[in-house]
Protein backbone atom coordinates (compact mmCIF):
# COMPACT_ATOMS: atom_id res chain seq x y z
CA MET A 1 -8.46 10.40 45.66
CA MET A 2 -9.05 14.04 43.92
CA ARG A 3 -6.79 13.38 41.79
CA ARG A 4 -8.79 10.38 40.67
CA ARG A 5 -12.22 12.18 40.89
CA HIS A 6 -10.88 14.63 38.34
CA TRP A 7 -9.25 12.09 35.93
CA ILE A 8 -12.73 10.49 35.50
CA ALA A 9 -14.51 13.76 35.56
CA ALA A 10 -12.92 14.93 32.03
CA LEU A 11 -13.98 11.41 30.84
CA VAL A 12 -17.69 12.45 30.91
CA ALA A 13 -19.15 14.34 27.77
CA ALA A 14 -21.25 17.31 29.19
CA GLY A 15 -24.97 16.76 29.55
CA LEU A 16 -24.59 13.02 29.39
CA ALA A 17 -28.39 11.63 29.86
CA GLN A 18 -29.22 9.30 32.58
CA GLY A 19 -31.94 8.03 30.86
CA ALA A 20 -34.71 5.74 31.85
CA THR A 21 -35.07 5.70 35.91
CA GLY A 22 -35.52 1.61 36.18
CA GLY A 23 -38.14 -0.70 36.82
CA ALA A 24 -39.86 -3.02 33.33
CA SER A 25 -42.76 -0.79 33.03
CA ALA A 26 -40.27 2.35 32.14
CA GLN A 27 -40.54 2.78 28.71
CA VAL A 28 -37.38 1.85 27.05
CA PRO A 29 -35.39 4.38 25.44
CA PRO A 30 -35.80 3.96 21.24
CA HIS A 31 -31.85 4.09 20.90
CA TRP A 32 -30.95 0.96 23.30
CA PRO A 33 -30.79 -1.93 22.37
CA GLN A 34 -33.83 -4.66 22.34
CA ALA A 35 -31.31 -7.26 23.48
CA ILE A 36 -28.43 -7.46 24.75
CA THR A 37 -25.61 -10.37 25.07
CA LEU A 38 -23.77 -11.21 28.01
CA ALA A 39 -20.31 -13.25 28.03
CA THR A 40 -20.00 -15.23 31.04
CA ALA A 41 -17.72 -18.70 31.57
CA SER A 42 -18.25 -22.01 31.73
CA PRO A 43 -20.94 -23.54 33.71
CA GLY A 44 -19.66 -24.79 36.96
CA GLY A 45 -17.43 -21.15 37.67
CA THR A 46 -18.24 -18.17 39.17
CA TYR A 47 -19.06 -16.21 36.73
CA HIS A 48 -22.05 -18.03 34.83
CA ALA A 49 -23.34 -17.68 38.39
CA TYR A 50 -23.06 -14.02 38.77
CA GLY A 51 -23.69 -14.06 35.33
CA ALA A 52 -26.98 -15.63 35.57
CA GLY A 53 -28.27 -13.18 38.43
CA LEU A 54 -27.21 -10.47 36.64
CA ALA A 55 -29.03 -11.26 33.61
CA ARG A 56 -32.30 -11.59 35.39
CA ILE A 57 -31.99 -8.29 37.59
CA LEU A 58 -30.94 -6.43 34.73
CA THR A 59 -33.99 -7.54 32.40
CA ARG A 60 -36.73 -6.96 34.67
CA GLU A 61 -35.42 -3.72 35.64
CA LEU A 62 -34.46 -2.33 32.71
CA GLY A 63 -36.91 -3.47 30.15
CA VAL A 64 -33.74 -4.78 27.84
CA ALA A 65 -33.90 -8.82 26.91
CA VAL A 66 -30.48 -9.87 28.62
CA SER A 67 -29.18 -13.04 27.82
CA MET A 68 -26.35 -15.47 28.56
CA ARG A 69 -23.96 -16.78 26.64
CA ASP A 70 -20.98 -19.58 28.13
CA THR A 71 -17.66 -19.24 26.65
CA ALA A 72 -14.14 -20.08 27.90
CA GLY A 73 -13.82 -16.86 29.80
CA PRO A 74 -12.30 -13.54 29.99
CA SER A 75 -10.48 -14.08 26.69
CA GLU A 76 -13.26 -15.04 24.61
CA ASN A 77 -15.28 -12.57 26.47
CA ILE A 78 -13.06 -10.03 24.89
CA ARG A 79 -12.81 -11.35 21.21
CA LEU A 80 -16.97 -11.82 21.68
CA ILE A 81 -17.15 -7.73 22.27
CA GLU A 82 -14.71 -6.84 19.62
CA ALA A 83 -16.89 -8.57 17.09
CA GLY A 84 -19.83 -7.10 18.59
CA GLU A 85 -21.18 -10.78 18.95
CA ALA A 86 -21.72 -9.90 22.80
CA GLN A 87 -22.23 -5.74 24.26
CA ILE A 88 -21.20 -6.78 27.69
CA GLY A 89 -18.92 -9.54 29.15
CA PHE A 90 -16.97 -10.09 32.27
CA VAL A 91 -12.99 -9.57 32.33
CA THR A 92 -9.57 -10.44 34.78
CA MET A 93 -7.66 -7.43 34.58
CA GLY A 94 -4.88 -9.25 33.82
CA ALA A 95 -6.66 -10.64 30.08
CA ALA A 96 -8.29 -6.62 29.67
CA LEU A 97 -3.54 -5.97 30.02
CA GLU A 98 -3.25 -8.54 27.59
CA GLY A 99 -5.99 -7.56 24.70
CA TRP A 100 -5.46 -3.87 25.33
CA SER A 101 -2.10 -4.39 24.15
CA GLY A 102 -2.18 -7.32 21.90
CA ALA A 103 0.65 -8.88 24.32
CA GLY A 104 -1.08 -12.23 25.15
CA ASP A 105 -0.78 -15.41 23.18
CA TRP A 106 -4.08 -15.75 22.85
CA THR A 107 -4.25 -12.27 20.78
CA GLY A 108 -2.29 -12.46 17.96
CA GLY A 109 -0.12 -9.83 18.24
CA ARG A 110 -3.53 -7.51 17.65
CA GLN A 111 -5.15 -5.19 19.94
CA PHE A 112 -8.65 -5.48 21.70
CA ARG A 113 -9.51 -1.42 21.72
CA ALA A 114 -13.17 -2.28 22.43
CA ILE A 115 -13.71 -2.84 25.78
CA ARG A 116 -14.66 -0.30 28.44
CA ALA A 117 -14.30 -0.87 31.84
CA MET A 118 -17.79 -0.35 33.94
CA PHE A 119 -18.30 -2.07 37.95
CA PRO A 120 -16.12 -3.57 39.70
CA MET A 121 -17.02 -7.24 40.72
CA TYR A 122 -14.75 -9.52 42.36
CA ASP A 123 -11.27 -10.75 43.31
CA THR A 124 -10.07 -13.90 41.42
CA PRO A 125 -8.59 -15.73 43.91
CA PHE A 126 -6.45 -18.82 42.79
CA HIS A 127 -7.38 -22.05 45.06
CA PHE A 128 -5.36 -25.20 44.25
CA VAL A 129 -7.36 -28.65 46.02
CA ALA A 130 -6.54 -32.30 45.93
CA ARG A 131 -8.50 -35.11 45.63
CA GLN A 132 -8.99 -36.57 49.25
CA ASP A 133 -7.59 -40.03 49.31
CA SER A 134 -4.67 -38.72 46.58
CA GLY A 135 -2.31 -37.99 49.62
CA ILE A 136 -1.40 -35.15 48.04
CA ALA A 137 -0.84 -32.39 50.68
CA HIS A 138 1.36 -29.87 49.31
CA LEU A 139 2.11 -27.89 46.20
CA SER A 140 5.19 -29.66 44.99
CA ALA A 141 3.52 -32.90 45.24
CA LEU A 142 1.73 -32.22 41.77
CA ASP A 143 4.84 -32.34 39.88
CA GLY A 144 4.31 -35.29 37.42
CA LYS A 145 0.35 -34.92 38.58
CA ALA A 146 -2.52 -34.60 36.46
CA VAL A 147 -4.57 -30.72 37.06
CA GLY A 148 -7.68 -29.73 35.72
CA VAL A 149 -6.79 -25.76 34.78
CA GLY A 150 -10.52 -25.16 33.37
CA PRO A 151 -12.07 -24.25 30.07
CA GLU A 152 -9.17 -23.39 27.04
CA GLY A 153 -8.61 -19.65 27.58
CA GLY A 154 -10.05 -19.35 31.20
CA THR A 155 -8.56 -17.57 33.63
CA ALA A 156 -6.54 -20.33 35.17
CA ASP A 157 -6.15 -22.00 31.93
CA THR A 158 -3.87 -18.55 31.15
CA TYR A 159 -1.94 -18.25 34.51
CA VAL A 160 -1.78 -21.66 36.21
CA PRO A 161 0.84 -22.42 33.18
CA ARG A 162 2.63 -19.74 34.22
CA MET A 163 2.65 -20.22 37.92
CA LEU A 164 3.19 -23.94 38.96
CA PRO A 165 6.85 -23.65 37.07
CA LYS A 166 8.01 -20.53 38.78
CA LEU A 167 7.50 -22.66 41.85
CA GLY A 168 9.55 -25.56 40.67
CA VAL A 169 5.96 -27.71 39.55
CA GLN A 170 5.19 -28.99 36.45
CA ALA A 171 2.23 -30.94 36.18
CA ARG A 172 0.52 -32.79 33.59
CA LEU A 173 -2.34 -29.73 32.72
CA ALA A 174 -6.27 -30.96 31.69
CA ARG A 175 -8.57 -28.24 30.11
CA GLY A 176 -12.68 -28.56 30.25
CA THR A 177 -15.72 -27.14 31.76
CA TRP A 178 -15.29 -27.16 35.60
CA ALA A 179 -18.27 -29.07 35.62
CA GLU A 180 -16.23 -32.19 33.41
CA LEU A 181 -13.18 -31.69 35.40
CA ALA A 182 -14.93 -31.90 39.05
CA ALA A 183 -16.22 -35.31 37.85
CA ALA A 184 -12.70 -36.55 36.34
CA LEU A 185 -11.35 -35.36 39.79
CA ARG A 186 -14.45 -37.21 41.68
CA SER A 187 -13.70 -40.22 39.57
CA GLY A 188 -10.21 -40.58 39.62
CA GLY A 189 -9.27 -39.35 36.68
CA LEU A 190 -7.87 -36.41 37.19
CA ASP A 191 -5.83 -35.92 40.99
CA ALA A 192 -6.08 -31.60 41.60
CA LEU A 193 -7.80 -28.80 40.28
CA ALA A 194 -6.17 -25.47 40.13
CA VAL A 195 -8.71 -22.94 40.37
CA ALA A 196 -8.95 -19.20 39.30
CA ALA A 197 -12.77 -17.45 40.13
CA GLY A 198 -14.60 -15.95 42.86
CA ALA A 199 -15.04 -17.93 46.29
CA PRO A 200 -16.88 -20.03 47.23
CA PHE A 201 -16.55 -21.25 43.42
CA PRO A 202 -19.25 -23.92 42.60
CA ALA A 203 -17.44 -26.57 41.75
CA ILE A 204 -15.77 -26.73 44.85
CA ALA A 205 -18.43 -26.47 46.75
CA GLU A 206 -20.01 -29.67 45.70
CA LEU A 207 -16.88 -31.01 45.98
CA GLU A 208 -16.80 -30.33 49.66
CA ALA A 209 -20.32 -31.70 49.73
CA ARG A 210 -19.11 -34.94 48.94
CA ARG A 211 -16.10 -34.82 51.18
CA ALA A 212 -13.77 -35.07 47.88
CA ILE A 213 -10.81 -32.64 48.85
CA ARG A 214 -8.43 -31.06 50.69
CA TYR A 215 -6.35 -27.92 49.84
CA LEU A 216 -3.44 -27.08 48.80
CA PRO A 217 -1.62 -24.79 51.00
CA LEU A 218 0.98 -21.68 49.63
CA THR A 219 3.48 -20.66 51.15
CA LYS A 220 4.75 -16.78 51.63
CA ASP A 221 7.54 -17.38 49.84
CA ALA A 222 5.22 -18.95 47.06
CA VAL A 223 3.07 -15.92 46.85
CA ALA A 224 6.26 -13.54 46.89
CA THR A 225 7.43 -15.53 44.09
CA LEU A 226 4.58 -15.56 41.80
CA ARG A 227 3.81 -12.05 42.44
CA LEU A 228 7.01 -11.21 41.60
CA ALA A 229 7.46 -13.44 38.48
CA VAL A 230 3.89 -12.30 37.46
CA PRO A 231 3.17 -8.54 38.34
CA GLU A 232 -0.90 -8.21 38.08
CA LEU A 233 -1.37 -10.99 40.65
CA ALA A 234 -1.79 -9.41 44.11
CA SER A 235 -2.00 -10.85 47.43
CA ALA A 236 -5.67 -12.39 48.58
CA VAL A 237 -6.98 -14.79 51.26
CA ILE A 238 -9.97 -16.80 51.18
CA PRO A 239 -11.56 -16.65 54.51
CA PRO A 240 -11.50 -19.41 57.05
CA GLY A 241 -15.69 -20.65 56.91
CA THR A 242 -15.84 -19.96 52.56
CA TYR A 243 -16.17 -23.67 52.30
CA PRO A 244 -17.06 -25.40 55.19
CA SER A 245 -13.66 -27.30 56.07
CA LEU A 246 -11.34 -24.71 55.22
CA SER A 247 -10.90 -23.31 59.01
CA ARG A 248 -8.27 -21.18 58.58
CA PRO A 249 -7.46 -18.00 55.96
CA TYR A 250 -5.83 -19.61 52.89
CA GLU A 251 -3.22 -17.14 51.63
CA THR A 252 -2.94 -17.11 47.75
CA VAL A 253 -2.68 -14.77 44.94
CA GLY A 254 -5.06 -13.54 43.04
CA ILE A 255 -6.44 -10.67 40.42
CA TYR A 256 -9.46 -8.43 39.93
CA ASN A 257 -12.34 -9.00 37.78
CA PHE A 258 -14.58 -6.09 35.95
CA ALA A 259 -17.86 -6.34 33.99
CA VAL A 260 -17.07 -4.20 30.22
CA ALA A 261 -18.99 -2.96 27.69
CA HIS A 262 -18.65 -2.68 24.07
CA ARG A 263 -17.78 1.20 23.95
CA ASP A 264 -20.51 1.74 21.44
CA LEU A 265 -23.00 0.99 23.59
CA PRO A 266 -25.25 4.15 24.56
CA ALA A 267 -23.87 6.03 27.87
CA ASP A 268 -27.08 6.23 29.31
CA LEU A 269 -27.80 2.54 29.20
CA VAL A 270 -24.49 1.56 31.22
CA TYR A 271 -25.26 4.55 33.60
CA GLN A 272 -28.61 2.44 33.86
CA VAL A 273 -26.56 -0.83 34.36
CA LEU A 274 -24.55 0.23 37.25
CA ARG A 275 -27.40 1.81 39.11
CA VAL A 276 -29.04 -1.01 39.13
CA VAL A 277 -26.17 -3.46 39.79
CA PHE A 278 -25.17 -1.58 42.86
CA ASP A 279 -29.10 -0.61 43.89
CA PHE A 280 -29.38 -4.06 44.06
CA HIS A 281 -26.33 -5.57 45.46
CA ALA A 282 -28.56 -7.90 47.92
CA GLU A 283 -29.60 -9.82 45.07
CA MET A 284 -26.32 -9.70 43.53
CA MET A 285 -24.87 -11.37 46.30
CA ASP A 286 -27.70 -13.95 46.46
CA ALA A 287 -26.86 -14.85 42.86
CA HIS A 288 -23.31 -16.16 44.13
CA PRO A 289 -21.33 -14.49 47.42
CA ALA A 290 -18.91 -13.02 45.64
CA ALA A 291 -20.63 -10.46 44.44
CA ALA A 292 -20.51 -8.86 48.04
CA ALA A 293 -17.20 -7.11 46.64
CA THR A 294 -19.68 -5.69 43.96
CA VAL A 295 -19.60 -2.16 45.13
CA PRO A 296 -18.82 1.13 43.51
CA ALA A 297 -15.45 1.99 46.20
CA ASN A 298 -14.25 -0.85 44.85
CA PHE A 299 -13.65 1.21 41.46
CA VAL A 300 -10.45 2.02 42.04
CA HIS A 301 -9.29 -1.93 41.49
CA ASN A 302 -9.55 -0.73 37.62
CA THR A 303 -6.02 1.04 36.69
CA LEU A 304 -5.80 0.59 33.00
CA LEU A 305 -8.79 0.46 30.88
CA PRO A 306 -10.53 3.49 30.12
CA TRP A 307 -14.13 4.08 31.68
CA HIS A 308 -17.13 3.95 29.29
CA PRO A 309 -18.37 7.29 29.66
CA GLY A 310 -22.22 6.39 31.05
CA ALA A 311 -20.00 4.42 33.94
CA ALA A 312 -17.72 7.63 34.45
CA ARG A 313 -20.92 9.46 35.05
CA TYR A 314 -21.81 7.04 37.23
CA TYR A 315 -18.83 7.44 39.87
CA GLU A 316 -18.65 11.52 39.49
CA ASN A 317 -21.67 11.66 40.44
CA ARG A 318 -20.96 9.45 43.70
CA ALA A 319 -17.78 11.08 44.08
CA VAL A 320 -19.66 14.85 43.67
CA ARG A 321 -22.40 13.50 46.27
CA GLY A 322 -19.82 12.29 49.10
CA ILE A 323 -20.84 8.60 48.71
CA LEU A 324 -18.05 7.27 47.09
CA VAL A 325 -15.44 6.27 49.12
CA GLY A 326 -16.10 3.25 51.25
CA ASP A 327 -19.68 2.57 50.40
């Protein structure tokens, strides 16, 4: 951990000002933008609910108008930040790796280098559900079935087409907003959903309330196969009780989410964004329970993106005071 702290410290410019001390009544520094666009995802998903809470808290505490922009998810968020059309956005570490290296199909070979890491959000577990009346009880039964994978370019759409064939499943994949896909599942237009999002996921929770779905488990062999095939995936578990009918741990794979900022966003503003996010942790959890994992100690899940200098200063200050690890 000491090596990690020294690495963060090397990123920090000497004498970085911390800026405003919070509260909408505080004077906003003149070099801060008057408004910020936050790129999230489509309605009905975790990014959207989490983003609504974040935008509300930041607007109130920092005195800067933060507005949400609905998007298809991480890859579009990275493109928007690169183009200067958004200043903050949510990404998975997998999409961040694809954008940074230009390796993802959506990049066209271009390297997207404007993003800088700010703070950890939560793990994104993949979970698979089928209509309760479909007779589908295992992932293998999805072969040939219609499966919703969320918006085009979203996390599930990016990974599920790579994952299912590794498990011997050739499904017919459908794209759309999660609200649209959940409605299609209820009406019988889809057989199942493959979700990659923080749990509980709003669209799944709504289907749960209607007793419309059953969970399709992943075996330990399936988890191992997927992790070998897609190295950025890690083992993940959705705890029992996360959804009312989930009575046992749901073992799966997941990928971590981070909030990122444009590299040109003022460092003292980014510092204050982190302070507010972590100081108002309970209110973030009210926005979405997945924010329980939005704590400073989870900064270790960023192993590839450079830190924004304002974020680096925040973590270094906590490390110096001895309160970073385990807080």
